[in-house]
Amino acid sequence: MDRDDEQLLRCRVYGADHDHPGPRVDRRYAELVGGPLDGLLLDITDWTADEAQTGDTP
């Protein structure tokens, strides 16, 4: 992946609509670190505080 591709992936939300790939101000996000999804944002708006802290979801 070249530098331009990396820039395109920055601030993109994992699983978001391709027409609106960026974060929304009314949502909470965590940045994914490591692996092929490194740098993407994960929407954690509906997660509890414990789920957000540990990463464990039901």
PDB file of N, CA and C in Angstrom:
ATOM      1  N   MET A   1       0.849  -1.163   0.000  1.00  0.00           N
ATOM      2  CA  MET A   1       0.000   0.000   0.000  1.00  0.00           C
ATOM      3  C   MET A   1       0.899   1.232   0.000  1.00  0.00           C
ATOM      4  N   ASP A   2       0.604   2.165  -0.896  1.00  0.00           N
ATOM      5  CA  ASP A   2       1.440   3.357  -0.939  1.00  0.00           C
ATOM      6  C   ASP A   2       0.887   4.443  -0.018  1.00  0.00           C
ATOM      7  N   ARG A   3       1.590   5.520   0.058  1.00  0.00           N
ATOM      8  CA  ARG A   3       1.256   6.603   0.991  1.00  0.00           C
ATOM      9  C   ARG A   3      -0.124   7.198   0.719  1.00  0.00           C
ATOM     10  N   ASP A   4      -0.510   7.356  -0.559  1.00  0.00           N
ATOM     11  CA  ASP A   4      -1.826   7.899  -0.892  1.00  0.00           C
ATOM     12  C   ASP A   4      -2.941   6.977  -0.409  1.00  0.00           C
ATOM     13  N   ASP A   5      -2.753   5.667  -0.553  1.00  0.00           N
ATOM     14  CA  ASP A   5      -3.746   4.704  -0.078  1.00  0.00           C
ATOM     15  C   ASP A   5      -3.886   4.788   1.444  1.00  0.00           C
ATOM     16  N   GLU A   6      -2.773   4.946   2.130  1.00  0.00           N
ATOM     17  CA  GLU A   6      -2.813   5.053   3.585  1.00  0.00           C
ATOM     18  C   GLU A   6      -3.575   6.290   4.018  1.00  0.00           C
ATOM     19  N   GLN A   7      -3.391   7.399   3.325  1.00  0.00           N
ATOM     20  CA  GLN A   7      -4.110   8.626   3.660  1.00  0.00           C
ATOM     21  C   GLN A   7      -5.611   8.458   3.447  1.00  0.00           C
ATOM     22  N   LEU A   8      -6.003   7.739   2.405  1.00  0.00           N
ATOM     23  CA  LEU A   8      -7.420   7.516   2.145  1.00  0.00           C
ATOM     24  C   LEU A   8      -8.071   6.711   3.258  1.00  0.00           C
ATOM     25  N   LEU A   9      -7.324   5.781   3.844  1.00  0.00           N
ATOM     26  CA  LEU A   9      -7.879   4.943   4.902  1.00  0.00           C
ATOM     27  C   LEU A   9      -7.971   5.681   6.235  1.00  0.00           C
ATOM     28  N   ARG A  10      -7.170   6.693   6.442  1.00  0.00           N
ATOM     29  CA  ARG A  10      -7.209   7.443   7.698  1.00  0.00           C
ATOM     30  C   ARG A  10      -8.572   8.115   7.837  1.00  0.00           C
ATOM     31  N   CYS A  11      -9.096   8.089   9.032  1.00  0.00           N
ATOM     32  CA  CYS A  11     -10.391   8.698   9.354  1.00  0.00           C
ATOM     33  C   CYS A  11     -11.549   8.038   8.630  1.00  0.00           C
ATOM     34  N   ARG A  12     -11.375   6.805   8.186  1.00  0.00           N
ATOM     35  CA  ARG A  12     -12.481   6.051   7.615  1.00  0.00           C
ATOM     36  C   ARG A  12     -13.030   5.152   8.692  1.00  0.00           C
ATOM     37  N   VAL A  13     -14.342   4.983   8.666  1.00  0.00           N
ATOM     38  CA  VAL A  13     -15.017   4.183   9.671  1.00  0.00           C
ATOM     39  C   VAL A  13     -15.242   2.779   9.120  1.00  0.00           C
ATOM     40  N   TYR A  14     -14.778   1.779   9.874  1.00  0.00           N
ATOM     41  CA  TYR A  14     -14.943   0.382   9.477  1.00  0.00           C
ATOM     42  C   TYR A  14     -16.436   0.069   9.343  1.00  0.00           C
ATOM     43  N   GLY A  15     -16.841  -0.453   8.204  1.00  0.00           N
ATOM     44  CA  GLY A  15     -18.223  -0.843   7.962  1.00  0.00           C
ATOM     45  C   GLY A  15     -19.137   0.297   7.565  1.00  0.00           C
ATOM     46  N   ALA A  16     -18.584   1.499   7.355  1.00  0.00           N
ATOM     47  CA  ALA A  16     -19.422   2.655   7.016  1.00  0.00           C
ATOM     48  C   ALA A  16     -19.839   2.612   5.545  1.00  0.00           C
ATOM     49  N   ASP A  17     -20.874   3.362   5.249  1.00  0.00           N
ATOM     50  CA  ASP A  17     -21.376   3.524   3.891  1.00  0.00           C
ATOM     51  C   ASP A  17     -20.277   4.148   3.026  1.00  0.00           C
ATOM     52  N   HIS A  18     -20.069   3.629   1.819  1.00  0.00           N
ATOM     53  CA  HIS A  18     -19.008   4.134   0.946  1.00  0.00           C
ATOM     54  C   HIS A  18     -19.241   5.578   0.530  1.00  0.00           C
ATOM     55  N   ASP A  19     -20.490   6.022   0.515  1.00  0.00           N
ATOM     56  CA  ASP A  19     -20.781   7.403   0.153  1.00  0.00           C
ATOM     57  C   ASP A  19     -20.445   8.377   1.279  1.00  0.00           C
ATOM     58  N   HIS A  20     -20.403   7.887   2.520  1.00  0.00           N
ATOM     59  CA  HIS A  20     -20.106   8.709   3.689  1.00  0.00           C
ATOM     60  C   HIS A  20     -19.154   7.953   4.617  1.00  0.00           C
ATOM     61  N   PRO A  21     -17.888   7.793   4.196  1.00  0.00           N
ATOM     62  CA  PRO A  21     -16.957   6.936   4.944  1.00  0.00           C
ATOM     63  C   PRO A  21     -16.369   7.560   6.205  1.00  0.00           C
ATOM     64  N   GLY A  22     -16.535   8.854   6.394  1.00  0.00           N
ATOM     65  CA  GLY A  22     -15.900   9.515   7.527  1.00  0.00           C
ATOM     66  C   GLY A  22     -16.712   9.456   8.802  1.00  0.00           C
ATOM     67  N   PRO A  23     -16.080   9.853   9.895  1.00  0.00           N
ATOM     68  CA  PRO A  23     -16.760   9.847  11.191  1.00  0.00           C
ATOM     69  C   PRO A  23     -17.845  10.919  11.254  1.00  0.00           C
ATOM     70  N   ARG A  24     -18.851  10.663  12.089  1.00  0.00           N
ATOM     71  CA  ARG A  24     -19.932  11.615  12.318  1.00  0.00           C
ATOM     72  C   ARG A  24     -19.767  12.202  13.717  1.00  0.00           C
ATOM     73  N   VAL A  25     -20.158  13.457  13.883  1.00  0.00           N
ATOM     74  CA  VAL A  25     -19.947  14.134  15.167  1.00  0.00           C
ATOM     75  C   VAL A  25     -20.836  13.575  16.271  1.00  0.00           C
ATOM     76  N   ASP A  26     -21.929  12.927  15.921  1.00  0.00           N
ATOM     77  CA  ASP A  26     -22.846  12.406  16.934  1.00  0.00           C
ATOM     78  C   ASP A  26     -22.546  10.959  17.328  1.00  0.00           C
ATOM     79  N   ARG A  27     -21.395  10.436  16.942  1.00  0.00           N
ATOM     80  CA  ARG A  27     -21.013   9.058  17.235  1.00  0.00           C
ATOM     81  C   ARG A  27     -19.687   9.043  17.989  1.00  0.00           C
ATOM     82  N   ARG A  28     -19.384   7.916  18.696  1.00  0.00           N
ATOM     83  CA  ARG A  28     -18.096   7.710  19.374  1.00  0.00           C
ATOM     84  C   ARG A  28     -17.332   6.637  18.623  1.00  0.00           C
ATOM     85  N   TYR A  29     -16.012   6.804  18.555  1.00  0.00           N
ATOM     86  CA  TYR A  29     -15.177   5.881  17.793  1.00  0.00           C
ATOM     87  C   TYR A  29     -13.932   5.479  18.573  1.00  0.00           C
ATOM     88  N   ALA A  30     -13.442   4.288  18.253  1.00  0.00           N
ATOM     89  CA  ALA A  30     -12.143   3.815  18.740  1.00  0.00           C
ATOM     90  C   ALA A  30     -11.302   3.512  17.509  1.00  0.00           C
ATOM     91  N   GLU A  31     -10.030   3.822  17.580  1.00  0.00           N
ATOM     92  CA  GLU A  31      -9.147   3.548  16.445  1.00  0.00           C
ATOM     93  C   GLU A  31      -8.622   2.114  16.541  1.00  0.00           C
ATOM     94  N   LEU A  32      -8.724   1.382  15.442  1.00  0.00           N
ATOM     95  CA  LEU A  32      -8.197   0.017  15.384  1.00  0.00           C
ATOM     96  C   LEU A  32      -6.685   0.097  15.188  1.00  0.00           C
ATOM     97  N   VAL A  33      -5.948  -0.749  15.915  1.00  0.00           N
ATOM     98  CA  VAL A  33      -4.490  -0.696  15.894  1.00  0.00           C
ATOM     99  C   VAL A  33      -3.947  -2.075  15.572  1.00  0.00           C
ATOM    100  N   GLY A  34      -3.070  -2.146  14.589  1.00  0.00           N
ATOM    101  CA  GLY A  34      -2.434  -3.394  14.203  1.00  0.00           C
ATOM    102  C   GLY A  34      -3.267  -4.165  13.202  1.00  0.00           C
ATOM    103  N   GLY A  35      -2.631  -4.961  12.410  1.00  0.00           N
ATOM    104  CA  GLY A  35      -3.337  -5.792  11.444  1.00  0.00           C
ATOM    105  C   GLY A  35      -3.814  -5.018  10.231  1.00  0.00           C
ATOM    106  N   PRO A  36      -4.596  -5.665   9.389  1.00  0.00           N
ATOM    107  CA  PRO A  36      -5.002  -5.052   8.121  1.00  0.00           C
ATOM    108  C   PRO A  36      -5.977  -3.881   8.289  1.00  0.00           C
ATOM    109  N   LEU A  37      -6.595  -3.732   9.443  1.00  0.00           N
ATOM    110  CA  LEU A  37      -7.545  -2.636   9.665  1.00  0.00           C
ATOM    111  C   LEU A  37      -6.915  -1.487  10.453  1.00  0.00           C
ATOM    112  N   ASP A  38      -5.617  -1.502  10.611  1.00  0.00           N
ATOM    113  CA  ASP A  38      -4.890  -0.492  11.360  1.00  0.00           C
ATOM    114  C   ASP A  38      -5.259   0.908  10.877  1.00  0.00           C
ATOM    115  N   GLY A  39      -5.650   1.762  11.811  1.00  0.00           N
ATOM    116  CA  GLY A  39      -5.954   3.147  11.482  1.00  0.00           C
ATOM    117  C   GLY A  39      -7.421   3.418  11.196  1.00  0.00           C
ATOM    118  N   LEU A  40      -8.203   2.383  10.957  1.00  0.00           N
ATOM    119  CA  LEU A  40      -9.626   2.595  10.737  1.00  0.00           C
ATOM    120  C   LEU A  40     -10.315   2.863  12.068  1.00  0.00           C
ATOM    121  N   LEU A  41     -11.448   3.525  12.007  1.00  0.00           N
ATOM    122  CA  LEU A  41     -12.223   3.814  13.202  1.00  0.00           C
ATOM    123  C   LEU A  41     -13.361   2.814  13.333  1.00  0.00           C
ATOM    124  N   LEU A  42     -13.661   2.414  14.561  1.00  0.00           N
ATOM    125  CA  LEU A  42     -14.752   1.494  14.850  1.00  0.00           C
ATOM    126  C   LEU A  42     -15.798   2.246  15.664  1.00  0.00           C
ATOM    127  N   ASP A  43     -17.038   2.225  15.208  1.00  0.00           N
ATOM    128  CA  ASP A  43     -18.123   2.914  15.898  1.00  0.00           C
ATOM    129  C   ASP A  43     -18.453   2.165  17.188  1.00  0.00           C
ATOM    130  N   ILE A  44     -18.257   2.831  18.325  1.00  0.00           N
ATOM    131  CA  ILE A  44     -18.531   2.217  19.633  1.00  0.00           C
ATOM    132  C   ILE A  44     -19.622   2.988  20.379  1.00  0.00           C
ATOM    133  N   THR A  45     -20.440   3.722  19.653  1.00  0.00           N
ATOM    134  CA  THR A  45     -21.465   4.558  20.266  1.00  0.00           C
ATOM    135  C   THR A  45     -22.388   3.771  21.180  1.00  0.00           C
ATOM    136  N   ASP A  46     -22.815   2.591  20.761  1.00  0.00           N
ATOM    137  CA  ASP A  46     -23.777   1.805  21.529  1.00  0.00           C
ATOM    138  C   ASP A  46     -23.133   0.856  22.537  1.00  0.00           C
ATOM    139  N   TRP A  47     -21.834   0.901  22.686  1.00  0.00           N
ATOM    140  CA  TRP A  47     -21.146   0.039  23.636  1.00  0.00           C
ATOM    141  C   TRP A  47     -21.255   0.631  25.037  1.00  0.00           C
ATOM    142  N   THR A  48     -21.285  -0.226  26.038  1.00  0.00           N
ATOM    143  CA  THR A  48     -21.232   0.243  27.419  1.00  0.00           C
ATOM    144  C   THR A  48     -19.805   0.688  27.717  1.00  0.00           C
ATOM    145  N   ALA A  49     -19.628   1.388  28.836  1.00  0.00           N
ATOM    146  CA  ALA A  49     -18.287   1.833  29.224  1.00  0.00           C
ATOM    147  C   ALA A  49     -17.357   0.641  29.423  1.00  0.00           C
ATOM    148  N   ASP A  50     -17.869  -0.450  30.001  1.00  0.00           N
ATOM    149  CA  ASP A  50     -17.053  -1.640  30.217  1.00  0.00           C
ATOM    150  C   ASP A  50     -16.658  -2.283  28.889  1.00  0.00           C
ATOM    151  N   GLU A  51     -17.587  -2.377  27.960  1.00  0.00           N
ATOM    152  CA  GLU A  51     -17.287  -2.951  26.647  1.00  0.00           C
ATOM    153  C   GLU A  51     -16.246  -2.108  25.921  1.00  0.00           C
ATOM    154  N   ALA A  52     -16.375  -0.803  26.002  1.00  0.00           N
ATOM    155  CA  ALA A  52     -15.414   0.098  25.346  1.00  0.00           C
ATOM    156  C   ALA A  52     -14.029  -0.039  25.965  1.00  0.00           C
ATOM    157  N   GLN A  53     -13.964  -0.229  27.266  1.00  0.00           N
ATOM    158  CA  GLN A  53     -12.681  -0.367  27.959  1.00  0.00           C
ATOM    159  C   GLN A  53     -11.991  -1.686  27.647  1.00  0.00           C
ATOM    160  N   THR A  54     -12.756  -2.780  27.648  1.00  0.00           N
ATOM    161  CA  THR A  54     -12.161  -4.109  27.477  1.00  0.00           C
ATOM    162  C   THR A  54     -12.168  -4.595  26.038  1.00  0.00           C
ATOM    163  N   GLY A  55     -13.072  -4.052  25.223  1.00  0.00           N
ATOM    164  CA  GLY A  55     -13.199  -4.524  23.850  1.00  0.00           C
ATOM    165  C   GLY A  55     -14.100  -5.726  23.714  1.00  0.00           C
ATOM    166  N   ASP A  56     -14.665  -6.194  24.834  1.00  0.00           N
ATOM    167  CA  ASP A  56     -15.568  -7.349  24.807  1.00  0.00           C
ATOM    168  C   ASP A  56     -16.988  -6.870  24.532  1.00  0.00           C
ATOM    169  N   THR A  57     -17.615  -7.464  23.526  1.00  0.00           N
ATOM    170  CA  THR A  57     -18.996  -7.126  23.214  1.00  0.00           C
ATOM    171  C   THR A  57     -19.834  -8.398  23.290  1.00  0.00           C
ATOM    172  N   PRO A  58     -21.130  -8.231  23.521  1.00  0.00           N
ATOM    173  CA  PRO A  58     -21.995  -9.412  23.641  1.00  0.00           C
ATOM    174  C   PRO A  58     -22.110 -10.177  22.342  1.00  0.00           C
TER     175      PRO A  58
END
